[in-house]
C-alpha atoms as a PDB file:
ATOM      1  CA  UNK A   1      -8.977 -18.836 -15.172  1.00  0.00           C
ATOM      2  CA  UNK A   2      -5.845 -16.843 -16.639  1.00  0.00           C
ATOM      3  CA  UNK A   3      -6.443 -14.479 -13.877  1.00  0.00           C
ATOM      4  CA  UNK A   4      -7.096 -16.945 -11.176  1.00  0.00           C
ATOM      5  CA  UNK A   5      -4.009 -18.848 -12.227  1.00  0.00           C
ATOM      6  CA  UNK A   6      -1.862 -15.662 -12.369  1.00  0.00           C
ATOM      7  CA  UNK A   7      -0.706 -16.778 -15.754  1.00  0.00           C
ATOM      8  CA  UNK A   8       0.192 -13.376 -17.499  1.00  0.00           C
ATOM      9  CA  UNK A   9       1.215 -15.198 -20.867  1.00  0.00           C
ATOM     10  CA  UNK A  10      -2.440 -16.414 -21.220  1.00  0.00           C
ATOM     11  CA  UNK A  11      -3.955 -12.978 -20.270  1.00  0.00           C
ATOM     12  CA  UNK A  12      -1.671 -11.317 -23.008  1.00  0.00           C
ATOM     13  CA  UNK A  13      -2.385 -13.837 -25.654  1.00  0.00           C
ATOM     14  CA  UNK A  14      -6.284 -13.581 -24.909  1.00  0.00           C
ATOM     15  CA  UNK A  15      -6.074  -9.798 -25.376  1.00  0.00           C
ATOM     16  CA  UNK A  16      -3.867 -10.138 -28.454  1.00  0.00           C
ATOM     17  CA  UNK A  17      -6.558 -12.390 -29.904  1.00  0.00           C
ATOM     18  CA  UNK A  18      -9.223  -9.828 -29.065  1.00  0.00           C
ATOM     19  CA  UNK A  19     -10.695 -10.439 -25.595  1.00  0.00           C
ATOM     20  CA  UNK A  20     -12.108  -7.343 -24.012  1.00  0.00           C
ATOM     21  CA  UNK A  21      -9.793  -6.829 -20.857  1.00  0.00           C
ATOM     22  CA  UNK A  22     -13.241  -4.976 -19.557  1.00  0.00           C
ATOM     23  CA  UNK A  23     -15.068  -8.303 -19.500  1.00  0.00           C
ATOM     24  CA  UNK A  24     -16.664  -9.476 -16.233  1.00  0.00           C
ATOM     25  CA  UNK A  25     -17.008 -12.851 -14.697  1.00  0.00           C
ATOM     26  CA  UNK A  26     -20.360 -14.562 -14.345  1.00  0.00           C
ATOM     27  CA  UNK A  27     -20.853 -12.623 -10.988  1.00  0.00           C
ATOM     28  CA  UNK A  28     -20.388  -9.293 -12.794  1.00  0.00           C
ATOM     29  CA  UNK A  29     -16.726  -8.792 -11.473  1.00  0.00           C
ATOM     30  CA  UNK A  30     -14.457  -6.720 -13.869  1.00  0.00           C
ATOM     31  CA  UNK A  31     -11.256  -8.786 -14.882  1.00  0.00           C
ATOM     32  CA  UNK A  32      -9.059  -6.051 -13.004  1.00  0.00           C
ATOM     33  CA  UNK A  33     -11.241  -6.818  -9.746  1.00  0.00           C
ATOM     34  CA  UNK A  34     -10.521 -10.429 -10.167  1.00  0.00           C
ATOM     35  CA  UNK A  35      -7.095 -10.410 -10.412  1.00  0.00           C
ATOM     36  CA  UNK A  36      -6.897  -8.088  -7.505  1.00  0.00           C
ATOM     37  CA  UNK A  37      -8.954 -10.353  -5.266  1.00  0.00           C
ATOM     38  CA  UNK A  38      -7.048 -13.456  -6.123  1.00  0.00           C
ATOM     39  CA  UNK A  39      -3.713 -11.621  -5.444  1.00  0.00           C
ATOM     40  CA  UNK A  40      -2.913 -12.259  -9.225  1.00  0.00           C
ATOM     41  CA  UNK A  41       0.092  -9.865  -9.304  1.00  0.00           C
ATOM     42  CA  UNK A  42       1.350 -11.099 -12.556  1.00  0.00           C
ATOM     43  CA  UNK A  43      -1.955 -11.270 -14.225  1.00  0.00           C
ATOM     44  CA  UNK A  44      -2.870  -7.973 -12.974  1.00  0.00           C
ATOM     45  CA  UNK A  45       0.272  -6.482 -14.203  1.00  0.00           C
ATOM     46  CA  UNK A  46      -0.412  -7.849 -17.916  1.00  0.00           C
ATOM     47  CA  UNK A  47      -3.990  -6.676 -17.459  1.00  0.00           C
ATOM     48  CA  UNK A  48      -3.237  -3.141 -16.399  1.00  0.00           C
ATOM     49  CA  UNK A  49      -1.096  -2.392 -19.183  1.00  0.00           C
ATOM     50  CA  UNK A  50      -3.634  -3.155 -21.795  1.00  0.00           C
ATOM     51  CA  UNK A  51      -5.006  -0.112 -23.711  1.00  0.00           C
ATOM     52  CA  UNK A  52      -8.454   0.274 -23.675  1.00  0.00           C
ATOM     53  CA  UNK A  53      -8.637  -1.205 -20.028  1.00  0.00           C
ATOM     54  CA  UNK A  54     -11.456   0.827 -18.126  1.00  0.00           C
ATOM     55  CA  UNK A  55      -9.757   1.017 -14.615  1.00  0.00           C
ATOM     56  CA  UNK A  56     -12.705   2.928 -13.202  1.00  0.00           C
ATOM     57  CA  UNK A  57     -15.106   0.143 -14.007  1.00  0.00           C
ATOM     58  CA  UNK A  58     -17.328  -0.928 -11.085  1.00  0.00           C
ATOM     59  CA  UNK A  59     -18.561  -4.316  -9.985  1.00  0.00           C
ATOM     60  CA  UNK A  60     -22.272  -4.785  -8.686  1.00  0.00           C
ATOM     61  CA  UNK A  61     -21.162  -3.456  -5.463  1.00  0.00           C
ATOM     62  CA  UNK A  62     -20.010   0.034  -6.718  1.00  0.00           C
ATOM     63  CA  UNK A  63     -16.350  -1.226  -6.044  1.00  0.00           C
ATOM     64  CA  UNK A  64     -13.559  -0.174  -8.301  1.00  0.00           C
ATOM     65  CA  UNK A  65      -9.989  -1.634  -8.968  1.00  0.00           C
ATOM     66  CA  UNK A  66      -8.358   0.879  -6.997  1.00  0.00           C
ATOM     67  CA  UNK A  67     -10.632   0.335  -4.044  1.00  0.00           C
ATOM     68  CA  UNK A  68      -9.854  -3.261  -3.784  1.00  0.00           C
ATOM     69  CA  UNK A  69      -6.310  -2.711  -4.308  1.00  0.00           C
ATOM     70  CA  UNK A  70      -6.331  -0.018  -1.435  1.00  0.00           C
ATOM     71  CA  UNK A  71      -8.192  -2.345   0.988  1.00  0.00           C
ATOM     72  CA  UNK A  72      -5.683  -5.166   0.234  1.00  0.00           C
ATOM     73  CA  UNK A  73      -2.949  -2.810   1.094  1.00  0.00           C
ATOM     74  CA  UNK A  74      -1.414  -3.083  -2.379  1.00  0.00           C
ATOM     75  CA  UNK A  75       0.354   0.113  -2.956  1.00  0.00           C
ATOM     76  CA  UNK A  76       2.241  -0.629  -6.211  1.00  0.00           C
ATOM     77  CA  UNK A  77      -1.117  -1.597  -7.749  1.00  0.00           C
ATOM     78  CA  UNK A  78      -2.789   1.652  -6.438  1.00  0.00           C
ATOM     79  CA  UNK A  79      -0.119   3.759  -8.037  1.00  0.00           C
ATOM     80  CA  UNK A  80      -0.166   1.941 -11.206  1.00  0.00           C
ATOM     81  CA  UNK A  81      -4.215   2.407 -11.413  1.00  0.00           C
ATOM     82  CA  UNK A  82      -3.853   6.097 -10.598  1.00  0.00           C
ATOM     83  CA  UNK A  83      -1.211   6.294 -13.375  1.00  0.00           C
ATOM     84  CA  UNK A  84      -3.946   5.005 -15.787  1.00  0.00           C
ATOM     85  CA  UNK A  85      -6.535   7.433 -14.463  1.00  0.00           C
ATOM     86  CA  UNK A  86      -8.221   5.829 -11.648  1.00  0.00           C
ATOM     87  CA  UNK A  87     -10.760   8.134  -9.961  1.00  0.00           C
ATOM     88  CA  UNK A  88      -9.708   8.959  -6.260  1.00  0.00           C
ATOM     89  CA  UNK A  89     -13.047  10.315  -5.606  1.00  0.00           C
ATOM     90  CA  UNK A  90     -16.599   8.795  -6.240  1.00  0.00           C
ATOM     91  CA  UNK A  91     -20.116   9.039  -4.863  1.00  0.00           C
ATOM     92  CA  UNK A  92     -20.768   6.890  -2.033  1.00  0.00           C
ATOM     93  CA  UNK A  93     -18.057   4.453  -0.668  1.00  0.00           C
ATOM     94  CA  UNK A  94     -14.603   5.920  -1.974  1.00  0.00           C
ATOM     95  CA  UNK A  95     -11.213   4.519  -2.460  1.00  0.00           C
ATOM     96  CA  UNK A  96     -10.050   6.522   0.718  1.00  0.00           C
ATOM     97  CA  UNK A  97     -12.709   4.598   2.905  1.00  0.00           C
ATOM     98  CA  UNK A  98     -11.210   1.320   1.641  1.00  0.00           C
ATOM     99  CA  UNK A  99      -7.837   2.665   2.244  1.00  0.00           C
ATOM    100  CA  UNK A 100      -8.607   3.904   5.821  1.00  0.00           C
ATOM    101  CA  UNK A 101     -10.061   0.392   6.496  1.00  0.00           C
ATOM    102  CA  UNK A 102      -6.717  -1.560   4.976  1.00  0.00           C
ATOM    103  CA  UNK A 103      -3.466  -2.359   6.171  1.00  0.00           C
ATOM    104  CA  UNK A 104      -1.275   0.236   4.378  1.00  0.00           C
ATOM    105  CA  UNK A 105      -1.125   3.625   5.813  1.00  0.00           C
ATOM    106  CA  UNK A 106       0.830   4.667   2.704  1.00  0.00           C
ATOM    107  CA  UNK A 107      -1.947   4.248   0.418  1.00  0.00           C
ATOM    108  CA  UNK A 108      -4.055   6.728   2.472  1.00  0.00           C
ATOM    109  CA  UNK A 109      -1.180   9.226   2.126  1.00  0.00           C
ATOM    110  CA  UNK A 110      -0.863   8.495  -1.534  1.00  0.00           C
ATOM    111  CA  UNK A 111      -4.630   9.257  -1.795  1.00  0.00           C
ATOM    112  CA  UNK A 112      -4.645  12.300   0.213  1.00  0.00           C
ATOM    113  CA  UNK A 113      -1.735  13.429  -1.947  1.00  0.00           C
ATOM    114  CA  UNK A 114      -4.044  13.007  -5.010  1.00  0.00           C
ATOM    115  CA  UNK A 115      -6.919  15.007  -3.713  1.00  0.00           C
ATOM    116  CA  UNK A 116      -8.991  12.307  -2.004  1.00  0.00           C
ATOM    117  CA  UNK A 117     -11.725  13.919  -0.110  1.00  0.00           C
ATOM    118  CA  UNK A 118     -11.053  13.564   3.626  1.00  0.00           C
ATOM    119  CA  UNK A 119     -14.678  13.898   4.328  1.00  0.00           C
ATOM    120  CA  UNK A 120     -15.652  11.435   2.034  1.00  0.00           C
ATOM    121  CA  UNK A 121     -19.269  10.156   3.166  1.00  0.00           C
ATOM    122  CA  UNK A 122     -20.565   6.773   2.361  1.00  0.00           C
ATOM    123  CA  UNK A 123     -24.312   6.031   2.085  1.00  0.00           C
ATOM    124  CA  UNK A 124     -24.545   5.309   5.692  1.00  0.00           C
ATOM    125  CA  UNK A 125     -22.684   8.511   6.456  1.00  0.00           C
ATOM    126  CA  UNK A 126     -19.445   6.897   7.766  1.00  0.00           C
ATOM    127  CA  UNK A 127     -16.359   8.695   6.879  1.00  0.00           C
ATOM    128  CA  UNK A 128     -12.784   7.460   6.231  1.00  0.00           C
ATOM    129  CA  UNK A 129     -11.850   8.640   9.742  1.00  0.00           C
ATOM    130  CA  UNK A 130     -14.325   6.487  11.226  1.00  0.00           C
ATOM    131  CA  UNK A 131     -13.458   3.226   9.144  1.00  0.00           C
ATOM    132  CA  UNK A 132      -9.488   3.715   9.934  1.00  0.00           C
ATOM    133  CA  UNK A 133     -10.414   4.123  13.937  1.00  0.00           C
ATOM    134  CA  UNK A 134     -12.426   0.743  14.032  1.00  0.00           C
ATOM    135  CA  UNK A 135     -10.419  -1.166  11.182  1.00  0.00           C
ATOM    136  CA  UNK A 136      -7.450   0.426   9.817  1.00  0.00           C
ATOM    137  CA  UNK A 137      -4.081   1.396  11.482  1.00  0.00           C
ATOM    138  CA  UNK A 138      -3.340   4.245  13.897  1.00  0.00           C
ATOM    139  CA  UNK A 139      -1.208   5.787  11.576  1.00  0.00           C
ATOM    140  CA  UNK A 140      -3.900   6.080   9.145  1.00  0.00           C
ATOM    141  CA  UNK A 141      -5.958   7.773  12.055  1.00  0.00           C
ATOM    142  CA  UNK A 142      -3.350  10.313  12.378  1.00  0.00           C
ATOM    143  CA  UNK A 143      -2.766  10.920   8.507  1.00  0.00           C
ATOM    144  CA  UNK A 144      -6.591  11.585   8.137  1.00  0.00           C
ATOM    145  CA  UNK A 145      -6.664  13.905  11.099  1.00  0.00           C
ATOM    146  CA  UNK A 146      -3.522  16.033  10.008  1.00  0.00           C
ATOM    147  CA  UNK A 147      -5.243  16.685   6.715  1.00  0.00           C
ATOM    148  CA  UNK A 148      -8.286  18.126   8.800  1.00  0.00           C
ATOM    149  CA  UNK A 149     -10.674  14.838   9.110  1.00  0.00           C
ATOM    150  CA  UNK A 150     -13.615  16.237  11.420  1.00  0.00           C
ATOM    151  CA  UNK A 151     -13.990  13.919  14.781  1.00  0.00           C
ATOM    152  CA  UNK A 152     -17.269  15.482  15.568  1.00  0.00           C
ATOM    153  CA  UNK A 153     -19.073  13.687  12.199  1.00  0.00           C
ATOM    154  CA  UNK A 154     -21.587  10.993  13.120  1.00  0.00           C
ATOM    155  CA  UNK A 155     -23.106   8.735  10.694  1.00  0.00           C
ATOM    156  CA  UNK A 156     -26.771   7.424  10.491  1.00  0.00           C
ATOM    157  CA  UNK A 157     -26.112   5.294  13.641  1.00  0.00           C
ATOM    158  CA  UNK A 158     -25.238   8.558  15.258  1.00  0.00           C
ATOM    159  CA  UNK A 159     -21.447   6.826  15.879  1.00  0.00           C
ATOM    160  CA  UNK A 160     -18.447   9.134  15.674  1.00  0.00           C
ATOM    161  CA  UNK A 161     -14.980   8.016  14.824  1.00  0.00           C
ATOM    162  CA  UNK A 162     -14.649   7.765  18.720  1.00  0.00           C
ATOM    163  CA  UNK A 163     -17.300   5.433  18.945  1.00  0.00           C
ATOM    164  CA  UNK A 164     -16.126   3.503  16.079  1.00  0.00           C
ATOM    165  CA  UNK A 165     -12.719   2.883  17.968  1.00  0.00           C
ATOM    166  CA  UNK A 166     -14.643   1.924  21.189  1.00  0.00           C
ATOM    167  CA  UNK A 167     -16.470  -0.793  19.295  1.00  0.00           C
ATOM    168  CA  UNK A 168     -13.232  -2.195  18.164  1.00  0.00           C
ATOM    169  CA  UNK A 169     -11.784  -2.463  21.728  1.00  0.00           C
ATOM    170  CA  UNK A 170      -9.262   0.712  20.957  1.00  0.00           C
ATOM    171  CA  UNK A 171      -9.924   2.129  24.146  1.00  0.00           C
ATOM    172  CA  UNK A 172      -6.733   4.724  23.794  1.00  0.00           C
ATOM    173  CA  UNK A 173      -7.498   5.707  20.262  1.00  0.00           C
ATOM    174  CA  UNK A 174     -11.001   6.263  21.236  1.00  0.00           C
ATOM    175  CA  UNK A 175      -9.924   8.683  23.975  1.00  0.00           C
ATOM    176  CA  UNK A 176      -7.442  10.514  21.620  1.00  0.00           C
ATOM    177  CA  UNK A 177     -10.176  10.894  19.059  1.00  0.00           C
ATOM    178  CA  UNK A 178     -12.824  12.100  22.007  1.00  0.00           C
ATOM    179  CA  UNK A 179     -10.249  14.738  22.734  1.00  0.00           C
ATOM    180  CA  UNK A 180      -9.802  16.005  19.398  1.00  0.00           C
ATOM    181  CA  UNK A 181     -13.509  16.719  19.062  1.00  0.00           C
ATOM    182  CA  UNK A 182     -13.954  20.394  17.366  1.00  0.00           C
END
């Protein structure tokens, strides 16, 4: 409840009393993920400073705190998680997929600068470029292309990044991506 209410004082008090910062809620959601999902900035700040916090703890869907902060566009939260050792790459859906889907291209830039795999492949074969083409900003698409994202890749449904853009009604972006096919 302290995370949901964005109550950093109670978070700190509970941790001082021995509460495990890596505890999960009844749905299996790690504490840091709950704070991020609830936009509880002050509680997140208190939690992320806790020694022993596993910043790479995953929820049942395989999502880390970095992934959730990235899709929410929270650059400062991403930076704090990275400072604490959050992994930039992981098998399956990656933080870069989430950042490419999110509203803040600066997070895409940050993750790429930290070594994120530009061609990370999700379980269904989708790449960060595909996600950016459908859901993200055009700036995120440009950043991924500048790092060498392959426009000719196709996922399990045989869709390319240009197809993802078309499905989202982004015809001009789709044309740009189609022209960039290697």
